[in-house]
Amino acid sequence: MKKLVFSLIVAVVLVWNGNTVFAKGGGQGSGAGASEKKDKPVKEREREKGNEDKQKGKEKEKEKPGAGRDANDSKGKSGKEQDKEKDSAKGAEHQQQLKAIEQQMEHEETKHLERVARLERMKELAGEEKKTDMTGRVDKLMEKEKGRYEHKQQKIEEKRQKIVQSIKETPSGADKGKAEADKPSKGKEKTDYKAKAGKEITKKNIDKELAKTEKEIEQETAEKKQP
């Protein structure tokens, strides 16, 4: 009986010592791992931390909606939209230029018709007064006015043709159809300039009006000769 009790006591003591040794060994191992981690250089630890952060960033980027969409494709669509906007802006600019050209042509035509009517009135009055010298002056001014007007209209038409050509070269198909439609109308109604000239020019002021018209035509004829 005493032997049995003694054996049990010895067994308990051995088990107790074994657990104690195991616990100490585990603690030493953990301490060694921590010590080893502390012993690593600072730069190496920072590098490892940076790699971990990059990996986390990649994982978050993959989780974003539409992350797999092709970026180049979206840029391509944006470029096409920008091209369309540019074409539209060019088309609007061309139409404004054509409108300005048309107004300029109408202005020159109105001035020419009014001036011719006034010269014809002066010639009529000079004939009644039998002023042959004045009649000769009026004829020369009529020829100069005709040449001035034709030259001016030719220059304006050249500008208009350049704008029309630019419209045709624009990728926007809508502008091509408008090029010919924007030609100046030749069938517009005219004011009766002859009746107006008959009221404004009389035998009393014919010398003054002739001198004024002559000065205007000479000045504008000289301008057309400039490059």
C-alpha atoms as a PDB file:
ATOM      1  CA  MET A   1       0.000   0.000   0.000  1.00  0.00           C
ATOM      2  CA  LYS A   2       2.774   2.392   0.850  1.00  0.00           C
ATOM      3  CA  LYS A   3       4.564   1.495  -2.396  1.00  0.00           C
ATOM      4  CA  LEU A   4       1.424   2.296  -4.425  1.00  0.00           C
ATOM      5  CA  VAL A   5       0.993   5.670  -2.793  1.00  0.00           C
ATOM      6  CA  PHE A   6       4.659   6.460  -3.281  1.00  0.00           C
ATOM      7  CA  SER A   7       4.432   5.541  -6.975  1.00  0.00           C
ATOM      8  CA  LEU A   8       1.459   7.849  -7.470  1.00  0.00           C
ATOM      9  CA  ILE A   9       3.282  10.745  -5.812  1.00  0.00           C
ATOM     10  CA  VAL A  10       6.330  10.198  -8.034  1.00  0.00           C
ATOM     11  CA  ALA A  11       4.130  10.143 -11.152  1.00  0.00           C
ATOM     12  CA  VAL A  12       2.391  13.383 -10.202  1.00  0.00           C
ATOM     13  CA  VAL A  13       5.743  15.075  -9.576  1.00  0.00           C
ATOM     14  CA  LEU A  14       7.091  13.969 -12.974  1.00  0.00           C
ATOM     15  CA  VAL A  15       4.003  15.193 -14.830  1.00  0.00           C
ATOM     16  CA  TRP A  16       4.153  18.526 -13.016  1.00  0.00           C
ATOM     17  CA  ASN A  17       7.841  19.024 -13.894  1.00  0.00           C
ATOM     18  CA  GLY A  18       7.211  18.159 -17.565  1.00  0.00           C
ATOM     19  CA  ASN A  19       4.470  20.794 -17.975  1.00  0.00           C
ATOM     20  CA  THR A  20       6.653  23.409 -16.356  1.00  0.00           C
ATOM     21  CA  VAL A  21       9.565  22.668 -18.701  1.00  0.00           C
ATOM     22  CA  PHE A  22       7.247  22.737 -21.771  1.00  0.00           C
ATOM     23  CA  ALA A  23       5.771  26.091 -20.751  1.00  0.00           C
ATOM     24  CA  LYS A  24       9.221  27.595 -20.316  1.00  0.00           C
ATOM     25  CA  GLY A  25      10.369  26.244 -23.677  1.00  0.00           C
ATOM     26  CA  GLY A  26       7.336  27.776 -25.454  1.00  0.00           C
ATOM     27  CA  GLY A  27       7.920  31.132 -23.822  1.00  0.00           C
ATOM     28  CA  GLN A  28      11.557  31.107 -24.851  1.00  0.00           C
ATOM     29  CA  GLY A  29      10.590  30.286 -28.453  1.00  0.00           C
ATOM     30  CA  SER A  30       8.109  33.161 -28.591  1.00  0.00           C
ATOM     31  CA  GLY A  31      10.617  35.492 -27.094  1.00  0.00           C
ATOM     32  CA  ALA A  32      13.190  34.409 -29.645  1.00  0.00           C
ATOM     33  CA  GLY A  33      10.777  35.150 -32.506  1.00  0.00           C
ATOM     34  CA  ALA A  34      10.036  38.628 -31.157  1.00  0.00           C
ATOM     35  CA  SER A  35      13.696  39.231 -30.593  1.00  0.00           C
ATOM     36  CA  GLU A  36      14.484  38.139 -34.133  1.00  0.00           C
ATOM     37  CA  LYS A  37      11.834  40.529 -35.474  1.00  0.00           C
ATOM     38  CA  LYS A  38      13.286  43.394 -33.458  1.00  0.00           C
ATOM     39  CA  ASP A  39      16.761  42.566 -34.674  1.00  0.00           C
ATOM     40  CA  LYS A  40      15.744  43.137 -38.352  1.00  0.00           C
ATOM     41  CA  PRO A  41      17.022  46.419 -39.886  1.00  0.00           C
ATOM     42  CA  VAL A  42      14.563  49.333 -39.937  1.00  0.00           C
ATOM     43  CA  LYS A  43      14.744  49.718 -43.734  1.00  0.00           C
ATOM     44  CA  GLU A  44      13.908  46.052 -44.235  1.00  0.00           C
ATOM     45  CA  ARG A  45      10.870  46.340 -41.958  1.00  0.00           C
ATOM     46  CA  GLU A  46       9.704  49.450 -43.808  1.00  0.00           C
ATOM     47  CA  ARG A  47      10.130  47.680 -47.153  1.00  0.00           C
ATOM     48  CA  GLU A  48       8.051  44.751 -45.964  1.00  0.00           C
ATOM     49  CA  LYS A  49       5.366  47.117 -44.689  1.00  0.00           C
ATOM     50  CA  GLY A  50       5.349  48.955 -48.042  1.00  0.00           C
ATOM     51  CA  ASN A  51       4.887  45.679 -49.936  1.00  0.00           C
ATOM     52  CA  GLU A  52       1.970  44.794 -47.691  1.00  0.00           C
ATOM     53  CA  ASP A  53       0.354  48.197 -48.307  1.00  0.00           C
ATOM     54  CA  LYS A  54       0.756  47.819 -52.084  1.00  0.00           C
ATOM     55  CA  GLN A  55      -0.828  44.390 -51.994  1.00  0.00           C
ATOM     56  CA  LYS A  56      -3.774  45.732 -50.015  1.00  0.00           C
ATOM     57  CA  GLY A  57      -4.133  48.596 -52.494  1.00  0.00           C
ATOM     58  CA  LYS A  58      -4.282  46.207 -55.455  1.00  0.00           C
ATOM     59  CA  GLU A  59      -6.935  44.147 -53.749  1.00  0.00           C
ATOM     60  CA  LYS A  60      -9.053  47.256 -53.088  1.00  0.00           C
ATOM     61  CA  GLU A  61      -8.637  48.383 -56.709  1.00  0.00           C
ATOM     62  CA  LYS A  62      -9.942  45.055 -57.953  1.00  0.00           C
ATOM     63  CA  GLU A  63     -12.976  45.430 -55.746  1.00  0.00           C
ATOM     64  CA  LYS A  64     -13.941  48.823 -57.318  1.00  0.00           C
ATOM     65  CA  PRO A  65     -16.890  48.661 -59.775  1.00  0.00           C
ATOM     66  CA  GLY A  66     -15.835  48.919 -63.422  1.00  0.00           C
ATOM     67  CA  ALA A  67     -12.172  48.341 -62.610  1.00  0.00           C
ATOM     68  CA  GLY A  68     -11.842  45.974 -65.548  1.00  0.00           C
ATOM     69  CA  ARG A  69     -13.168  48.530 -68.063  1.00  0.00           C
ATOM     70  CA  ASP A  70     -10.762  49.554 -70.778  1.00  0.00           C
ATOM     71  CA  ALA A  71      -9.508  53.088 -70.068  1.00  0.00           C
ATOM     72  CA  ASN A  72      -8.460  53.601 -73.664  1.00  0.00           C
ATOM     73  CA  ASP A  73     -11.984  52.883 -74.832  1.00  0.00           C
ATOM     74  CA  SER A  74     -13.407  55.699 -72.670  1.00  0.00           C
ATOM     75  CA  LYS A  75     -10.727  58.066 -73.948  1.00  0.00           C
ATOM     76  CA  GLY A  76     -11.589  57.152 -77.520  1.00  0.00           C
ATOM     77  CA  LYS A  77     -15.259  57.964 -77.014  1.00  0.00           C
ATOM     78  CA  SER A  78     -14.371  61.276 -75.408  1.00  0.00           C
ATOM     79  CA  GLY A  79     -12.153  62.120 -78.391  1.00  0.00           C
ATOM     80  CA  LYS A  80     -14.984  61.442 -80.855  1.00  0.00           C
ATOM     81  CA  GLU A  81     -17.321  63.659 -78.897  1.00  0.00           C
ATOM     82  CA  GLN A  82     -14.738  66.435 -78.906  1.00  0.00           C
ATOM     83  CA  ASP A  83     -14.316  66.090 -82.686  1.00  0.00           C
ATOM     84  CA  LYS A  84     -18.074  66.385 -83.179  1.00  0.00           C
ATOM     85  CA  GLU A  85     -18.169  69.518 -81.056  1.00  0.00           C
ATOM     86  CA  LYS A  86     -15.313  71.041 -83.058  1.00  0.00           C
ATOM     87  CA  ASP A  87     -17.039  70.236 -86.364  1.00  0.00           C
ATOM     88  CA  SER A  88     -20.265  71.755 -85.081  1.00  0.00           C
ATOM     89  CA  ALA A  89     -18.450  74.918 -83.981  1.00  0.00           C
ATOM     90  CA  LYS A  90     -16.719  75.183 -87.367  1.00  0.00           C
ATOM     91  CA  GLY A  91     -20.047  74.737 -89.160  1.00  0.00           C
ATOM     92  CA  ALA A  92     -21.657  77.532 -87.132  1.00  0.00           C
ATOM     93  CA  GLU A  93     -18.674  79.802 -87.776  1.00  0.00           C
ATOM     94  CA  HIS A  94     -18.815  79.119 -91.530  1.00  0.00           C
ATOM     95  CA  GLN A  95     -22.518  79.935 -91.661  1.00  0.00           C
ATOM     96  CA  GLN A  96     -21.893  83.238 -89.886  1.00  0.00           C
ATOM     97  CA  GLN A  97     -19.144  84.063 -92.370  1.00  0.00           C
ATOM     98  CA  LEU A  98     -21.421  83.293 -95.317  1.00  0.00           C
ATOM     99  CA  LYS A  99     -24.129  85.489 -93.863  1.00  0.00           C
ATOM    100  CA  ALA A 100     -21.643  88.353 -93.463  1.00  0.00           C
ATOM    101  CA  ILE A 101     -20.485  87.877 -97.073  1.00  0.00           C
ATOM    102  CA  GLU A 102     -24.061  87.976 -98.319  1.00  0.00           C
ATOM    103  CA  GLN A 103     -24.740  91.193 -96.411  1.00  0.00           C
ATOM    104  CA  GLN A 104     -21.574  92.743 -97.852  1.00  0.00           C
ATOM    105  CA  MET A 105     -22.602  91.833-101.408  1.00  0.00           C
ATOM    106  CA  GLU A 106     -26.059  93.308-100.875  1.00  0.00           C
ATOM    107  CA  HIS A 107     -24.547  96.485 -99.462  1.00  0.00           C
ATOM    108  CA  GLU A 108     -22.255  96.918-102.480  1.00  0.00           C
ATOM    109  CA  GLU A 109     -25.090  96.212-104.890  1.00  0.00           C
ATOM    110  CA  THR A 110     -27.343  98.756-103.201  1.00  0.00           C
ATOM    111  CA  LYS A 111     -24.608 101.403-103.265  1.00  0.00           C
ATOM    112  CA  HIS A 112     -23.888 100.726-106.938  1.00  0.00           C
ATOM    113  CA  LEU A 113     -27.540 100.918-108.036  1.00  0.00           C
ATOM    114  CA  GLU A 114     -28.119 104.094-106.063  1.00  0.00           C
ATOM    115  CA  ARG A 115     -24.957 105.708-107.442  1.00  0.00           C
ATOM    116  CA  VAL A 116     -25.818 104.811-111.045  1.00  0.00           C
ATOM    117  CA  ALA A 117     -29.313 106.253-110.603  1.00  0.00           C
ATOM    118  CA  ARG A 118     -27.833 109.513-109.337  1.00  0.00           C
ATOM    119  CA  LEU A 119     -25.361 109.705-112.238  1.00  0.00           C
ATOM    120  CA  GLU A 120     -28.138 109.087-114.723  1.00  0.00           C
ATOM    121  CA  ARG A 121     -30.117 111.924-113.135  1.00  0.00           C
ATOM    122  CA  MET A 122     -27.101 114.209-113.399  1.00  0.00           C
ATOM    123  CA  LYS A 123     -26.617 113.285-117.061  1.00  0.00           C
ATOM    124  CA  GLU A 124     -30.261 114.033-117.730  1.00  0.00           C
ATOM    125  CA  LEU A 125     -30.022 117.470-116.152  1.00  0.00           C
ATOM    126  CA  ALA A 126     -26.710 118.219-117.909  1.00  0.00           C
ATOM    127  CA  GLY A 127     -28.365 117.387-121.242  1.00  0.00           C
ATOM    128  CA  GLU A 128     -31.232 119.706-120.524  1.00  0.00           C
ATOM    129  CA  GLU A 129     -28.791 122.492-119.737  1.00  0.00           C
ATOM    130  CA  LYS A 130     -26.667 121.520-122.754  1.00  0.00           C
ATOM    131  CA  LYS A 131     -23.599 121.174-120.559  1.00  0.00           C
ATOM    132  CA  THR A 132     -21.533 118.855-122.731  1.00  0.00           C
ATOM    133  CA  ASP A 133     -18.515 118.987-120.436  1.00  0.00           C
ATOM    134  CA  MET A 134     -20.609 117.816-117.493  1.00  0.00           C
ATOM    135  CA  THR A 135     -22.158 115.084-119.621  1.00  0.00           C
ATOM    136  CA  GLY A 136     -18.673 113.813-120.500  1.00  0.00           C
ATOM    137  CA  ARG A 137     -17.657 113.794-116.821  1.00  0.00           C
ATOM    138  CA  VAL A 138     -20.739 111.801-115.914  1.00  0.00           C
ATOM    139  CA  ASP A 139     -20.066 109.207-118.632  1.00  0.00           C
ATOM    140  CA  LYS A 140     -16.508 108.704-117.379  1.00  0.00           C
ATOM    141  CA  LEU A 141     -17.740 108.330-113.804  1.00  0.00           C
ATOM    142  CA  MET A 142     -20.287 105.724-114.921  1.00  0.00           C
ATOM    143  CA  GLU A 143     -17.520 103.642-116.501  1.00  0.00           C
ATOM    144  CA  LYS A 144     -15.353 103.925-113.391  1.00  0.00           C
ATOM    145  CA  GLU A 145     -18.259 103.009-111.124  1.00  0.00           C
ATOM    146  CA  LYS A 146     -19.044  99.963-113.240  1.00  0.00           C
ATOM    147  CA  GLY A 147     -15.426  98.761-113.079  1.00  0.00           C
ATOM    148  CA  ARG A 148     -15.221  99.452-109.342  1.00  0.00           C
ATOM    149  CA  TYR A 149     -18.390  97.514-108.615  1.00  0.00           C
ATOM    150  CA  GLU A 150     -17.435  94.485-110.723  1.00  0.00           C
ATOM    151  CA  HIS A 151     -14.003  94.323-109.101  1.00  0.00           C
ATOM    152  CA  LYS A 152     -15.506  94.575-105.608  1.00  0.00           C
ATOM    153  CA  GLN A 153     -18.068  91.864-106.280  1.00  0.00           C
ATOM    154  CA  GLN A 154     -15.383  89.583-107.697  1.00  0.00           C
ATOM    155  CA  LYS A 155     -13.273  89.914-104.538  1.00  0.00           C
ATOM    156  CA  ILE A 156     -16.255  89.230-102.305  1.00  0.00           C
ATOM    157  CA  GLU A 157     -17.257  86.194-104.390  1.00  0.00           C
ATOM    158  CA  GLU A 158     -13.735  84.771-104.077  1.00  0.00           C
ATOM    159  CA  LYS A 159     -14.032  84.994-100.285  1.00  0.00           C
ATOM    160  CA  ARG A 160     -17.417  83.315-100.424  1.00  0.00           C
ATOM    161  CA  GLN A 161     -16.089  80.443-102.525  1.00  0.00           C
ATOM    162  CA  LYS A 162     -13.277  79.842-100.024  1.00  0.00           C
ATOM    163  CA  ILE A 163     -15.794  79.571 -97.197  1.00  0.00           C
ATOM    164  CA  VAL A 164     -17.990  77.235 -99.249  1.00  0.00           C
ATOM    165  CA  GLN A 165     -14.966  75.031 -99.937  1.00  0.00           C
ATOM    166  CA  SER A 166     -14.140  74.927 -96.233  1.00  0.00           C
ATOM    167  CA  ILE A 167     -17.693  73.815 -95.501  1.00  0.00           C
ATOM    168  CA  LYS A 168     -17.461  71.005 -98.054  1.00  0.00           C
ATOM    169  CA  GLU A 169     -14.222  69.802 -96.457  1.00  0.00           C
ATOM    170  CA  THR A 170     -15.790  69.735 -92.990  1.00  0.00           C
ATOM    171  CA  PRO A 171     -16.667  66.137 -91.909  1.00  0.00           C
ATOM    172  CA  SER A 172     -20.116  67.267 -90.805  1.00  0.00           C
ATOM    173  CA  GLY A 173     -22.523  66.266 -93.566  1.00  0.00           C
ATOM    174  CA  ALA A 174     -25.136  68.803 -92.503  1.00  0.00           C
ATOM    175  CA  ASP A 175     -22.900  71.702 -93.479  1.00  0.00           C
ATOM    176  CA  LYS A 176     -22.295  70.382 -96.990  1.00  0.00           C
ATOM    177  CA  GLY A 177     -25.956  70.669 -97.859  1.00  0.00           C
ATOM    178  CA  LYS A 178     -26.068  74.296 -96.737  1.00  0.00           C
ATOM    179  CA  ALA A 179     -23.173  75.496 -98.889  1.00  0.00           C
ATOM    180  CA  GLU A 180     -25.164  76.089-102.081  1.00  0.00           C
ATOM    181  CA  ALA A 181     -28.327  77.156-100.267  1.00  0.00           C
ATOM    182  CA  ASP A 182     -26.532  80.131 -98.754  1.00  0.00           C
ATOM    183  CA  LYS A 183     -25.777  81.791-102.086  1.00  0.00           C
ATOM    184  CA  PRO A 184     -26.966  85.410-102.212  1.00  0.00           C
ATOM    185  CA  SER A 185     -30.433  85.787-103.699  1.00  0.00           C
ATOM    186  CA  LYS A 186     -30.533  87.623-107.034  1.00  0.00           C
ATOM    187  CA  GLY A 187     -34.303  87.979-107.103  1.00  0.00           C
ATOM    188  CA  LYS A 188     -34.694  90.397-104.201  1.00  0.00           C
ATOM    189  CA  GLU A 189     -36.823  93.501-104.632  1.00  0.00           C
ATOM    190  CA  LYS A 190     -35.031  96.772-105.386  1.00  0.00           C
ATOM    191  CA  THR A 191     -35.854 100.275-104.253  1.00  0.00           C
ATOM    192  CA  ASP A 192     -36.713 102.754-106.967  1.00  0.00           C
ATOM    193  CA  TYR A 193     -33.418 104.621-106.746  1.00  0.00           C
ATOM    194  CA  LYS A 194     -34.168 106.595-109.897  1.00  0.00           C
ATOM    195  CA  ALA A 195     -37.232 108.222-108.315  1.00  0.00           C
ATOM    196  CA  LYS A 196     -35.229 108.961-105.188  1.00  0.00           C
ATOM    197  CA  ALA A 197     -32.397 110.545-107.221  1.00  0.00           C
ATOM    198  CA  GLY A 198     -34.930 112.678-109.111  1.00  0.00           C
ATOM    199  CA  LYS A 199     -36.069 114.229-105.855  1.00  0.00           C
ATOM    200  CA  GLU A 200     -32.619 114.766-104.316  1.00  0.00           C
ATOM    201  CA  ILE A 201     -30.687 116.097-107.339  1.00  0.00           C
ATOM    202  CA  THR A 202     -31.838 119.317-108.967  1.00  0.00           C
ATOM    203  CA  LYS A 203     -30.396 121.911-111.358  1.00  0.00           C
ATOM    204  CA  LYS A 204     -29.403 124.004-108.376  1.00  0.00           C
ATOM    205  CA  ASN A 205     -27.264 121.382-106.610  1.00  0.00           C
ATOM    206  CA  ILE A 206     -26.084 119.303-109.598  1.00  0.00           C
ATOM    207  CA  ASP A 207     -22.552 120.748-109.476  1.00  0.00           C
ATOM    208  CA  LYS A 208     -22.209 119.960-105.783  1.00  0.00           C
ATOM    209  CA  GLU A 209     -23.649 116.424-106.112  1.00  0.00           C
ATOM    210  CA  LEU A 210     -21.488 115.637-109.130  1.00  0.00           C
ATOM    211  CA  ALA A 211     -18.337 116.746-107.340  1.00  0.00           C
ATOM    212  CA  LYS A 212     -19.278 114.676-104.297  1.00  0.00           C
ATOM    213  CA  THR A 213     -19.987 111.535-106.349  1.00  0.00           C
ATOM    214  CA  GLU A 214     -16.828 112.002-108.398  1.00  0.00           C
ATOM    215  CA  LYS A 215     -14.727 112.189-105.215  1.00  0.00           C
ATOM    216  CA  GLU A 216     -16.290 109.007-103.796  1.00  0.00           C
ATOM    217  CA  ILE A 217     -15.744 106.993-106.987  1.00  0.00           C
ATOM    218  CA  GLU A 218     -12.157 108.199-107.442  1.00  0.00           C
ATOM    219  CA  GLN A 219     -11.317 107.310-103.839  1.00  0.00           C
ATOM    220  CA  GLU A 220     -12.869 103.834-103.995  1.00  0.00           C
ATOM    221  CA  THR A 221     -11.278 103.131-107.390  1.00  0.00           C
ATOM    222  CA  ALA A 222      -7.864 103.990-105.950  1.00  0.00           C
ATOM    223  CA  GLU A 223      -8.480 101.615-103.026  1.00  0.00           C
ATOM    224  CA  LYS A 224      -9.151  98.642-105.320  1.00  0.00           C
ATOM    225  CA  LYS A 225      -5.709  99.081-106.905  1.00  0.00           C
ATOM    226  CA  GLN A 226      -4.014  98.574-103.555  1.00  0.00           C
ATOM    227  CA  PRO A 227      -2.697  94.995-102.937  1.00  0.00           C
END
